[in-house]
Amino acid sequence: MKIGIVISTNEPEEVWNAFRFGTTALNANHEVSVFLLNRGVEIEEIRSEKYKVDEQVASFLGNKGKILACGTCLKSRQKEGSGVCPISTMRDLLKLVEESDRILTFG
């Protein structure tokens, strides 16, 4: 199954759980793509003692998960794309939705 996850928050627990779910789905042989939108593009700056977002993101990417990030949302925060947050567009989000069997949203 192809699963699309849209994350539009920078709240540590929600983002942590989104990537935990994504990694669980990857380990169950599903294809998973994440699209970061709104505050979701700030995931690299999330710091929490309890919710290790960076560890979950690394695990997700290490299991061949894909991450895309809204370029407009990055630019509005004076950010550039990165290995974790590659610049993408609404067309990319549309493609993710069209190709996914299920879409989950966090945030």
Protein backbone atom coordinates (compact mmCIF):
# COMPACT_ATOMS: atom_id res chain seq x y z
CA MET A 1 0.00 0.00 0.00
CA LYS A 2 1.15 3.55 -0.69
CA ILE A 3 0.69 5.81 2.31
CA GLY A 4 0.98 9.60 2.24
CA ILE A 5 1.48 11.56 5.44
CA VAL A 6 1.00 15.32 5.61
CA ILE A 7 2.57 17.03 8.62
CA SER A 8 1.61 20.66 9.22
CA THR A 9 2.81 21.14 12.78
CA ASN A 10 6.07 21.55 14.66
CA GLU A 11 4.60 20.15 17.89
CA PRO A 12 7.18 17.56 19.04
CA GLU A 13 4.86 14.74 20.13
CA GLU A 14 2.70 14.91 16.99
CA VAL A 15 5.69 14.96 14.63
CA TRP A 16 7.40 12.18 16.61
CA ASN A 17 4.31 9.99 16.34
CA ALA A 18 3.87 10.73 12.63
CA PHE A 19 7.38 9.50 11.89
CA ARG A 20 7.01 6.54 14.25
CA PHE A 21 3.93 5.52 12.29
CA GLY A 22 5.73 6.07 8.99
CA THR A 23 8.64 3.87 10.03
CA THR A 24 6.25 1.18 11.29
CA ALA A 25 4.50 1.21 7.91
CA LEU A 26 7.82 1.02 6.06
CA ASN A 27 8.84 -1.95 8.19
CA ALA A 28 5.54 -3.61 7.18
CA ASN A 29 6.60 -3.24 3.52
CA HIS A 30 4.41 -0.25 2.67
CA GLU A 31 5.66 2.69 0.62
CA VAL A 32 5.49 5.91 2.65
CA SER A 33 5.97 9.55 1.65
CA VAL A 34 5.75 12.56 3.95
CA PHE A 35 4.88 16.08 2.83
CA LEU A 36 5.81 18.89 5.24
CA LEU A 37 3.49 21.88 5.13
CA ASN A 38 3.07 25.05 7.23
CA ARG A 39 5.03 24.69 10.50
CA GLY A 40 5.86 21.13 9.51
CA VAL A 41 8.81 22.45 7.48
CA GLU A 42 10.43 23.39 10.81
CA ILE A 43 11.08 19.75 11.83
CA GLU A 44 14.86 20.13 11.83
CA GLU A 45 14.59 22.69 14.64
CA ILE A 46 12.34 20.68 16.94
CA ARG A 47 14.09 20.00 20.24
CA SER A 48 12.49 17.90 22.94
CA GLU A 49 14.04 15.76 25.65
CA LYS A 50 11.05 13.43 25.63
CA TYR A 51 10.25 13.24 21.91
CA LYS A 52 13.38 12.66 19.84
CA VAL A 53 12.07 13.85 16.49
CA ASP A 54 15.50 13.83 14.88
CA GLU A 55 15.94 10.15 15.74
CA GLN A 56 12.55 9.26 14.27
CA VAL A 57 13.25 11.23 11.10
CA ALA A 58 16.62 9.47 10.72
CA SER A 59 14.96 6.08 11.21
CA PHE A 60 12.27 6.96 8.65
CA LEU A 61 14.83 8.05 6.06
CA GLY A 62 17.06 5.07 6.86
CA ASN A 63 14.15 2.77 6.03
CA LYS A 64 13.75 4.44 2.61
CA GLY A 65 10.93 6.80 3.53
CA LYS A 66 10.57 9.91 1.37
CA ILE A 67 10.17 13.47 2.64
CA LEU A 68 9.07 16.52 0.63
CA ALA A 69 8.69 20.06 1.96
CA CYS A 70 6.57 22.95 0.73
CA GLY A 71 8.93 25.44 -0.91
CA THR A 72 6.62 28.39 -0.26
CA CYS A 73 6.41 27.47 3.43
CA LEU A 74 10.22 27.22 3.62
CA LYS A 75 10.70 30.56 1.85
CA SER A 76 8.19 32.32 4.10
CA ARG A 77 10.43 31.28 7.01
CA GLN A 78 13.60 32.42 5.18
CA LYS A 79 14.71 28.76 4.88
CA GLU A 80 16.19 26.79 2.06
CA GLY A 81 15.71 23.14 1.28
CA SER A 82 17.91 20.50 2.88
CA GLY A 83 18.45 16.76 2.82
CA VAL A 84 15.61 16.39 5.31
CA CYS A 85 13.42 19.15 3.83
CA PRO A 86 13.88 19.12 0.05
CA ILE A 87 12.00 21.92 -1.70
CA SER A 88 8.78 20.72 -3.28
CA THR A 89 5.61 22.24 -4.67
CA MET A 90 1.85 21.92 -4.46
CA ARG A 91 2.07 19.85 -7.63
CA ASP A 92 4.23 17.39 -5.69
CA LEU A 93 1.64 17.28 -2.91
CA LEU A 94 -1.10 16.70 -5.48
CA LYS A 95 0.91 13.85 -7.00
CA LEU A 96 1.43 12.33 -3.55
CA VAL A 97 -2.33 12.46 -2.89
CA GLU A 98 -3.20 11.04 -6.31
CA GLU A 99 -0.74 8.15 -5.99
CA SER A 100 -1.43 7.25 -2.35
CA ASP A 101 -3.93 4.63 -1.28
CA ARG A 102 -4.33 6.41 2.07
CA ILE A 103 -3.52 9.89 3.34
CA LEU A 104 -2.99 10.73 7.00
CA THR A 105 -2.64 14.25 8.36
CA PHE A 106 -0.88 15.35 11.54
CA GLY A 107 -1.25 18.87 12.84
